[in-house]
PDB file of N, CA and C in Angstrom:
ATOM      1  N   UNK A   1       7.031  -0.749  13.817  1.00  0.00           N
ATOM      2  CA  UNK A   1       5.846  -0.462  13.046  1.00  0.00           C
ATOM      3  C   UNK A   1       5.972  -1.019  11.618  1.00  0.00           C
ATOM      4  N   UNK A   2       7.185  -1.064  11.100  1.00  0.00           N
ATOM      5  CA  UNK A   2       7.384  -1.570   9.741  1.00  0.00           C
ATOM      6  C   UNK A   2       6.870  -3.000   9.603  1.00  0.00           C
ATOM      7  N   UNK A   3       7.084  -3.806  10.622  1.00  0.00           N
ATOM      8  CA  UNK A   3       6.633  -5.195  10.581  1.00  0.00           C
ATOM      9  C   UNK A   3       5.113  -5.272  10.531  1.00  0.00           C
ATOM     10  N   UNK A   4       4.446  -4.412  11.289  1.00  0.00           N
ATOM     11  CA  UNK A   4       2.977  -4.384  11.292  1.00  0.00           C
ATOM     12  C   UNK A   4       2.442  -3.971   9.924  1.00  0.00           C
ATOM     13  N   UNK A   5       3.057  -2.956   9.345  1.00  0.00           N
ATOM     14  CA  UNK A   5       2.639  -2.478   8.020  1.00  0.00           C
ATOM     15  C   UNK A   5       2.850  -3.587   6.992  1.00  0.00           C
ATOM     16  N   UNK A   6       3.997  -4.235   7.056  1.00  0.00           N
ATOM     17  CA  UNK A   6       4.303  -5.311   6.119  1.00  0.00           C
ATOM     18  C   UNK A   6       3.294  -6.452   6.234  1.00  0.00           C
ATOM     19  N   UNK A   7       2.888  -6.764   7.457  1.00  0.00           N
ATOM     20  CA  UNK A   7       1.905  -7.828   7.659  1.00  0.00           C
ATOM     21  C   UNK A   7       0.564  -7.469   7.020  1.00  0.00           C
ATOM     22  N   UNK A   8       0.114  -6.231   7.203  1.00  0.00           N
ATOM     23  CA  UNK A   8      -1.159  -5.800   6.608  1.00  0.00           C
ATOM     24  C   UNK A   8      -1.056  -5.817   5.085  1.00  0.00           C
ATOM     25  N   UNK A   9       0.046  -5.336   4.560  1.00  0.00           N
ATOM     26  CA  UNK A   9       0.236  -5.337   3.104  1.00  0.00           C
ATOM     27  C   UNK A   9       0.212  -6.764   2.565  1.00  0.00           C
ATOM     28  N   UNK A  10       0.947  -7.652   3.217  1.00  0.00           N
ATOM     29  CA  UNK A  10       1.051  -9.028   2.721  1.00  0.00           C
ATOM     30  C   UNK A  10      -0.246  -9.818   2.856  1.00  0.00           C
ATOM     31  N   UNK A  11      -1.028  -9.553   3.890  1.00  0.00           N
ATOM     32  CA  UNK A  11      -2.228 -10.361   4.120  1.00  0.00           C
ATOM     33  C   UNK A  11      -3.500  -9.753   3.547  1.00  0.00           C
ATOM     34  N   UNK A  12      -3.596  -8.425   3.478  1.00  0.00           N
ATOM     35  CA  UNK A  12      -4.853  -7.801   3.056  1.00  0.00           C
ATOM     36  C   UNK A  12      -4.769  -7.082   1.713  1.00  0.00           C
ATOM     37  N   UNK A  13      -3.623  -6.502   1.401  1.00  0.00           N
ATOM     38  CA  UNK A  13      -3.538  -5.639   0.221  1.00  0.00           C
ATOM     39  C   UNK A  13      -2.953  -6.374  -0.985  1.00  0.00           C
ATOM     40  N   UNK A  14      -1.852  -7.062  -0.789  1.00  0.00           N
ATOM     41  CA  UNK A  14      -1.202  -7.769  -1.901  1.00  0.00           C
ATOM     42  C   UNK A  14      -2.152  -8.709  -2.646  1.00  0.00           C
ATOM     43  N   UNK A  15      -2.917  -9.544  -1.930  1.00  0.00           N
ATOM     44  CA  UNK A  15      -3.804 -10.461  -2.656  1.00  0.00           C
ATOM     45  C   UNK A  15      -4.809  -9.733  -3.557  1.00  0.00           C
ATOM     46  N   UNK A  16      -5.303  -8.594  -3.107  1.00  0.00           N
ATOM     47  CA  UNK A  16      -6.251  -7.833  -3.920  1.00  0.00           C
ATOM     48  C   UNK A  16      -5.600  -7.290  -5.183  1.00  0.00           C
ATOM     49  N   UNK A  17      -4.411  -6.732  -5.033  1.00  0.00           N
ATOM     50  CA  UNK A  17      -3.709  -6.177  -6.186  1.00  0.00           C
ATOM     51  C   UNK A  17      -3.241  -7.274  -7.137  1.00  0.00           C
ATOM     52  N   UNK A  18      -2.760  -8.371  -6.586  1.00  0.00           N
ATOM     53  CA  UNK A  18      -2.278  -9.464  -7.425  1.00  0.00           C
ATOM     54  C   UNK A  18      -3.410 -10.107  -8.223  1.00  0.00           C
ATOM     55  N   UNK A  19      -4.611 -10.071  -7.699  1.00  0.00           N
ATOM     56  CA  UNK A  19      -5.764 -10.614  -8.420  1.00  0.00           C
ATOM     57  C   UNK A  19      -6.045  -9.825  -9.697  1.00  0.00           C
ATOM     58  N   UNK A  20      -5.610  -8.569  -9.739  1.00  0.00           N
ATOM     59  CA  UNK A  20      -5.797  -7.723 -10.918  1.00  0.00           C
ATOM     60  C   UNK A  20      -4.513  -7.553 -11.725  1.00  0.00           C
ATOM     61  N   UNK A  21      -3.500  -8.360 -11.445  1.00  0.00           N
ATOM     62  CA  UNK A  21      -2.258  -8.302 -12.205  1.00  0.00           C
ATOM     63  C   UNK A  21      -1.250  -7.290 -11.693  1.00  0.00           C
ATOM     64  N   UNK A  22      -1.497  -6.725 -10.537  1.00  0.00           N
ATOM     65  CA  UNK A  22      -0.575  -5.753  -9.959  1.00  0.00           C
ATOM     66  C   UNK A  22       0.142  -6.321  -8.759  1.00  0.00           C
ATOM     67  N   UNK A  23       0.901  -5.460  -8.114  1.00  0.00           N
ATOM     68  CA  UNK A  23       1.612  -5.862  -6.905  1.00  0.00           C
ATOM     69  C   UNK A  23       2.057  -4.604  -6.170  1.00  0.00           C
ATOM     70  N   UNK A  24       2.489  -4.778  -4.953  1.00  0.00           N
ATOM     71  CA  UNK A  24       2.942  -3.654  -4.137  1.00  0.00           C
ATOM     72  C   UNK A  24       4.161  -4.094  -3.346  1.00  0.00           C
ATOM     73  N   UNK A  25       5.080  -3.176  -3.182  1.00  0.00           N
ATOM     74  CA  UNK A  25       6.307  -3.437  -2.424  1.00  0.00           C
ATOM     75  C   UNK A  25       6.451  -2.352  -1.356  1.00  0.00           C
ATOM     76  N   UNK A  26       6.673  -2.753  -0.127  1.00  0.00           N
ATOM     77  CA  UNK A  26       6.927  -1.803   0.949  1.00  0.00           C
ATOM     78  C   UNK A  26       8.369  -1.334   0.846  1.00  0.00           C
ATOM     79  N   UNK A  27       8.551  -0.023   0.726  1.00  0.00           N
ATOM     80  CA  UNK A  27       9.887   0.553   0.631  1.00  0.00           C
ATOM     81  C   UNK A  27      10.375   0.979   2.009  1.00  0.00           C
ATOM     82  N   UNK A  28       9.485   1.553   2.813  1.00  0.00           N
ATOM     83  CA  UNK A  28       9.872   1.976   4.144  1.00  0.00           C
ATOM     84  C   UNK A  28       8.748   2.652   4.884  1.00  0.00           C
ATOM     85  N   UNK A  29       8.978   2.876   6.174  1.00  0.00           N
ATOM     86  CA  UNK A  29       8.020   3.570   7.036  1.00  0.00           C
ATOM     87  C   UNK A  29       8.809   4.578   7.845  1.00  0.00           C
ATOM     88  N   UNK A  30       8.350   5.837   7.820  1.00  0.00           N
ATOM     89  CA  UNK A  30       9.067   6.883   8.532  1.00  0.00           C
ATOM     90  C   UNK A  30       8.075   7.905   9.077  1.00  0.00           C
ATOM     91  N   UNK A  31       8.038   8.059  10.389  1.00  0.00           N
ATOM     92  CA  UNK A  31       7.167   9.039  11.046  1.00  0.00           C
ATOM     93  C   UNK A  31       5.719   8.941  10.599  1.00  0.00           C
ATOM     94  N   UNK A  32       5.195   7.726  10.510  1.00  0.00           N
ATOM     95  CA  UNK A  32       3.800   7.526  10.134  1.00  0.00           C
ATOM     96  C   UNK A  32       3.527   7.573   8.648  1.00  0.00           C
ATOM     97  N   UNK A  33       4.552   7.800   7.855  1.00  0.00           N
ATOM     98  CA  UNK A  33       4.405   7.834   6.397  1.00  0.00           C
ATOM     99  C   UNK A  33       4.904   6.500   5.835  1.00  0.00           C
ATOM    100  N   UNK A  34       4.017   5.821   5.126  1.00  0.00           N
ATOM    101  CA  UNK A  34       4.345   4.537   4.523  1.00  0.00           C
ATOM    102  C   UNK A  34       4.720   4.784   3.063  1.00  0.00           C
ATOM    103  N   UNK A  35       5.899   4.304   2.678  1.00  0.00           N
ATOM    104  CA  UNK A  35       6.376   4.470   1.300  1.00  0.00           C
ATOM    105  C   UNK A  35       6.282   3.121   0.598  1.00  0.00           C
ATOM    106  N   UNK A  36       5.572   3.118  -0.536  1.00  0.00           N
ATOM    107  CA  UNK A  36       5.375   1.880  -1.282  1.00  0.00           C
ATOM    108  C   UNK A  36       5.722   2.092  -2.745  1.00  0.00           C
ATOM    109  N   UNK A  37       5.932   0.992  -3.422  1.00  0.00           N
ATOM    110  CA  UNK A  37       6.158   1.008  -4.865  1.00  0.00           C
ATOM    111  C   UNK A  37       5.122   0.074  -5.482  1.00  0.00           C
ATOM    112  N   UNK A  38       4.323   0.615  -6.397  1.00  0.00           N
ATOM    113  CA  UNK A  38       3.348  -0.201  -7.110  1.00  0.00           C
ATOM    114  C   UNK A  38       4.046  -0.854  -8.287  1.00  0.00           C
ATOM    115  N   UNK A  39       3.693  -2.112  -8.547  1.00  0.00           N
ATOM    116  CA  UNK A  39       4.342  -2.881  -9.608  1.00  0.00           C
ATOM    117  C   UNK A  39       3.295  -3.548 -10.494  1.00  0.00           C
ATOM    118  N   UNK A  40       3.772  -4.139 -11.557  1.00  0.00           N
ATOM    119  CA  UNK A  40       2.888  -4.862 -12.466  1.00  0.00           C
ATOM    120  C   UNK A  40       1.874  -3.926 -13.100  1.00  0.00           C
ATOM    121  N   UNK A  41       0.648  -4.387 -13.222  1.00  0.00           N
ATOM    122  CA  UNK A  41      -0.412  -3.594 -13.840  1.00  0.00           C
ATOM    123  C   UNK A  41      -0.671  -2.299 -13.076  1.00  0.00           C
ATOM    124  N   UNK A  42      -0.391  -2.293 -11.799  1.00  0.00           N
ATOM    125  CA  UNK A  42      -0.632  -1.093 -10.975  1.00  0.00           C
ATOM    126  C   UNK A  42       0.366   0.024 -11.278  1.00  0.00           C
ATOM    127  N   UNK A  43       1.540  -0.325 -11.757  1.00  0.00           N
ATOM    128  CA  UNK A  43       2.580   0.674 -11.996  1.00  0.00           C
ATOM    129  C   UNK A  43       2.207   1.642 -13.108  1.00  0.00           C
ATOM    130  N   UNK A  44       1.474   1.177 -14.104  1.00  0.00           N
ATOM    131  CA  UNK A  44       1.138   2.036 -15.242  1.00  0.00           C
ATOM    132  C   UNK A  44      -0.356   2.310 -15.355  1.00  0.00           C
ATOM    133  N   UNK A  45      -1.116   1.883 -14.388  1.00  0.00           N
ATOM    134  CA  UNK A  45      -2.568   2.060 -14.420  1.00  0.00           C
ATOM    135  C   UNK A  45      -2.941   3.524 -14.168  1.00  0.00           C
ATOM    136  N   UNK A  46      -3.858   4.087 -14.976  1.00  0.00           N
ATOM    137  CA  UNK A  46      -4.279   5.467 -14.746  1.00  0.00           C
ATOM    138  C   UNK A  46      -4.997   5.643 -13.401  1.00  0.00           C
ATOM    139  N   UNK A  47      -5.517   4.570 -12.840  1.00  0.00           N
ATOM    140  CA  UNK A  47      -6.206   4.645 -11.550  1.00  0.00           C
ATOM    141  C   UNK A  47      -5.304   4.361 -10.365  1.00  0.00           C
ATOM    142  N   UNK A  48      -3.993   4.325 -10.568  1.00  0.00           N
ATOM    143  CA  UNK A  48      -3.059   3.966  -9.499  1.00  0.00           C
ATOM    144  C   UNK A  48      -3.143   4.925  -8.317  1.00  0.00           C
ATOM    145  N   UNK A  49      -3.284   6.224  -8.582  1.00  0.00           N
ATOM    146  CA  UNK A  49      -3.373   7.195  -7.481  1.00  0.00           C
ATOM    147  C   UNK A  49      -4.630   6.937  -6.657  1.00  0.00           C
ATOM    148  N   UNK A  50      -5.723   6.606  -7.320  1.00  0.00           N
ATOM    149  CA  UNK A  50      -6.965   6.288  -6.625  1.00  0.00           C
ATOM    150  C   UNK A  50      -6.801   5.015  -5.803  1.00  0.00           C
ATOM    151  N   UNK A  51      -6.184   4.000  -6.394  1.00  0.00           N
ATOM    152  CA  UNK A  51      -5.923   2.742  -5.678  1.00  0.00           C
ATOM    153  C   UNK A  51      -5.079   2.991  -4.441  1.00  0.00           C
ATOM    154  N   UNK A  52      -4.075   3.824  -4.587  1.00  0.00           N
ATOM    155  CA  UNK A  52      -3.169   4.112  -3.483  1.00  0.00           C
ATOM    156  C   UNK A  52      -3.900   4.805  -2.338  1.00  0.00           C
ATOM    157  N   UNK A  53      -4.671   5.837  -2.642  1.00  0.00           N
ATOM    158  CA  UNK A  53      -5.335   6.621  -1.599  1.00  0.00           C
ATOM    159  C   UNK A  53      -6.576   5.924  -1.044  1.00  0.00           C
ATOM    160  N   UNK A  54      -7.455   5.473  -1.908  1.00  0.00           N
ATOM    161  CA  UNK A  54      -8.731   4.921  -1.453  1.00  0.00           C
ATOM    162  C   UNK A  54      -8.647   3.433  -1.082  1.00  0.00           C
ATOM    163  N   UNK A  55      -7.636   2.764  -1.544  1.00  0.00           N
ATOM    164  CA  UNK A  55      -7.481   1.350  -1.226  1.00  0.00           C
ATOM    165  C   UNK A  55      -6.409   1.109  -0.195  1.00  0.00           C
ATOM    166  N   UNK A  56      -5.169   1.293  -0.605  1.00  0.00           N
ATOM    167  CA  UNK A  56      -4.021   0.976   0.241  1.00  0.00           C
ATOM    168  C   UNK A  56      -4.025   1.823   1.514  1.00  0.00           C
ATOM    169  N   UNK A  57      -4.117   3.140   1.362  1.00  0.00           N
ATOM    170  CA  UNK A  57      -4.071   4.018   2.533  1.00  0.00           C
ATOM    171  C   UNK A  57      -5.239   3.753   3.475  1.00  0.00           C
ATOM    172  N   UNK A  58      -6.427   3.572   2.930  1.00  0.00           N
ATOM    173  CA  UNK A  58      -7.605   3.330   3.761  1.00  0.00           C
ATOM    174  C   UNK A  58      -7.456   2.044   4.571  1.00  0.00           C
ATOM    175  N   UNK A  59      -7.021   0.966   3.914  1.00  0.00           N
ATOM    176  CA  UNK A  59      -6.858  -0.304   4.614  1.00  0.00           C
ATOM    177  C   UNK A  59      -5.768  -0.229   5.684  1.00  0.00           C
ATOM    178  N   UNK A  60      -4.667   0.433   5.379  1.00  0.00           N
ATOM    179  CA  UNK A  60      -3.594   0.557   6.370  1.00  0.00           C
ATOM    180  C   UNK A  60      -4.035   1.398   7.561  1.00  0.00           C
ATOM    181  N   UNK A  61      -4.740   2.493   7.314  1.00  0.00           N
ATOM    182  CA  UNK A  61      -5.202   3.349   8.416  1.00  0.00           C
ATOM    183  C   UNK A  61      -6.222   2.629   9.297  1.00  0.00           C
ATOM    184  N   UNK A  62      -7.057   1.807   8.684  1.00  0.00           N
ATOM    185  CA  UNK A  62      -8.035   1.039   9.467  1.00  0.00           C
ATOM    186  C   UNK A  62      -7.324   0.054  10.395  1.00  0.00           C
ATOM    187  N   UNK A  63      -6.317  -0.603   9.871  1.00  0.00           N
ATOM    188  CA  UNK A  63      -5.598  -1.615  10.660  1.00  0.00           C
ATOM    189  C   UNK A  63      -4.608  -0.998  11.630  1.00  0.00           C
ATOM    190  N   UNK A  64      -4.003   0.122  11.236  1.00  0.00           N
ATOM    191  CA  UNK A  64      -2.948   0.757  12.035  1.00  0.00           C
ATOM    192  C   UNK A  64      -3.195   2.264  12.096  1.00  0.00           C
ATOM    193  N   UNK A  65      -3.895   2.733  13.110  1.00  0.00           N
ATOM    194  CA  UNK A  65      -4.214   4.159  13.215  1.00  0.00           C
ATOM    195  C   UNK A  65      -2.996   5.078  13.237  1.00  0.00           C
ATOM    196  N   UNK A  66      -1.828   4.554  13.555  1.00  0.00           N
ATOM    197  CA  UNK A  66      -0.635   5.390  13.593  1.00  0.00           C
ATOM    198  C   UNK A  66      -0.122   5.748  12.193  1.00  0.00           C
ATOM    199  N   UNK A  67      -0.665   5.122  11.158  1.00  0.00           N
ATOM    200  CA  UNK A  67      -0.298   5.469   9.779  1.00  0.00           C
ATOM    201  C   UNK A  67      -0.943   6.817   9.445  1.00  0.00           C
ATOM    202  N   UNK A  68      -0.120   7.768   9.030  1.00  0.00           N
ATOM    203  CA  UNK A  68      -0.584   9.110   8.676  1.00  0.00           C
ATOM    204  C   UNK A  68      -1.008   9.184   7.214  1.00  0.00           C
ATOM    205  N   UNK A  69      -0.148   8.656   6.342  1.00  0.00           N
ATOM    206  CA  UNK A  69      -0.450   8.663   4.906  1.00  0.00           C
ATOM    207  C   UNK A  69       0.428   7.646   4.204  1.00  0.00           C
ATOM    208  N   UNK A  70       0.082   7.405   2.941  1.00  0.00           N
ATOM    209  CA  UNK A  70       0.821   6.465   2.111  1.00  0.00           C
ATOM    210  C   UNK A  70       1.228   7.182   0.841  1.00  0.00           C
ATOM    211  N   UNK A  71       2.497   7.048   0.475  1.00  0.00           N
ATOM    212  CA  UNK A  71       2.978   7.693  -0.748  1.00  0.00           C
ATOM    213  C   UNK A  71       3.677   6.652  -1.628  1.00  0.00           C
ATOM    214  N   UNK A  72       3.602   6.887  -2.940  1.00  0.00           N
ATOM    215  CA  UNK A  72       4.305   6.023  -3.893  1.00  0.00           C
ATOM    216  C   UNK A  72       5.672   6.621  -4.169  1.00  0.00           C
ATOM    217  N   UNK A  73       6.672   5.777  -4.211  1.00  0.00           N
ATOM    218  CA  UNK A  73       8.030   6.242  -4.512  1.00  0.00           C
ATOM    219  C   UNK A  73       8.582   5.491  -5.711  1.00  0.00           C
TER     220      UNK A  73
END
């Protein structure tokens, strides 16, 4: 499942975040929980929690229904 998550992050999510000066790194996947690290502009952005839940988590769940949630580490 980690490979599938990484593919979605690299093809659908990273380009969106990088366009705004941010970035995302996949830390791991465990029991449907995706652990990511936000970088660049996203790391200190006050809207990072919103981006994580409404952007990253939504896109991952749409592509991979087995994803339960996404957390920042």
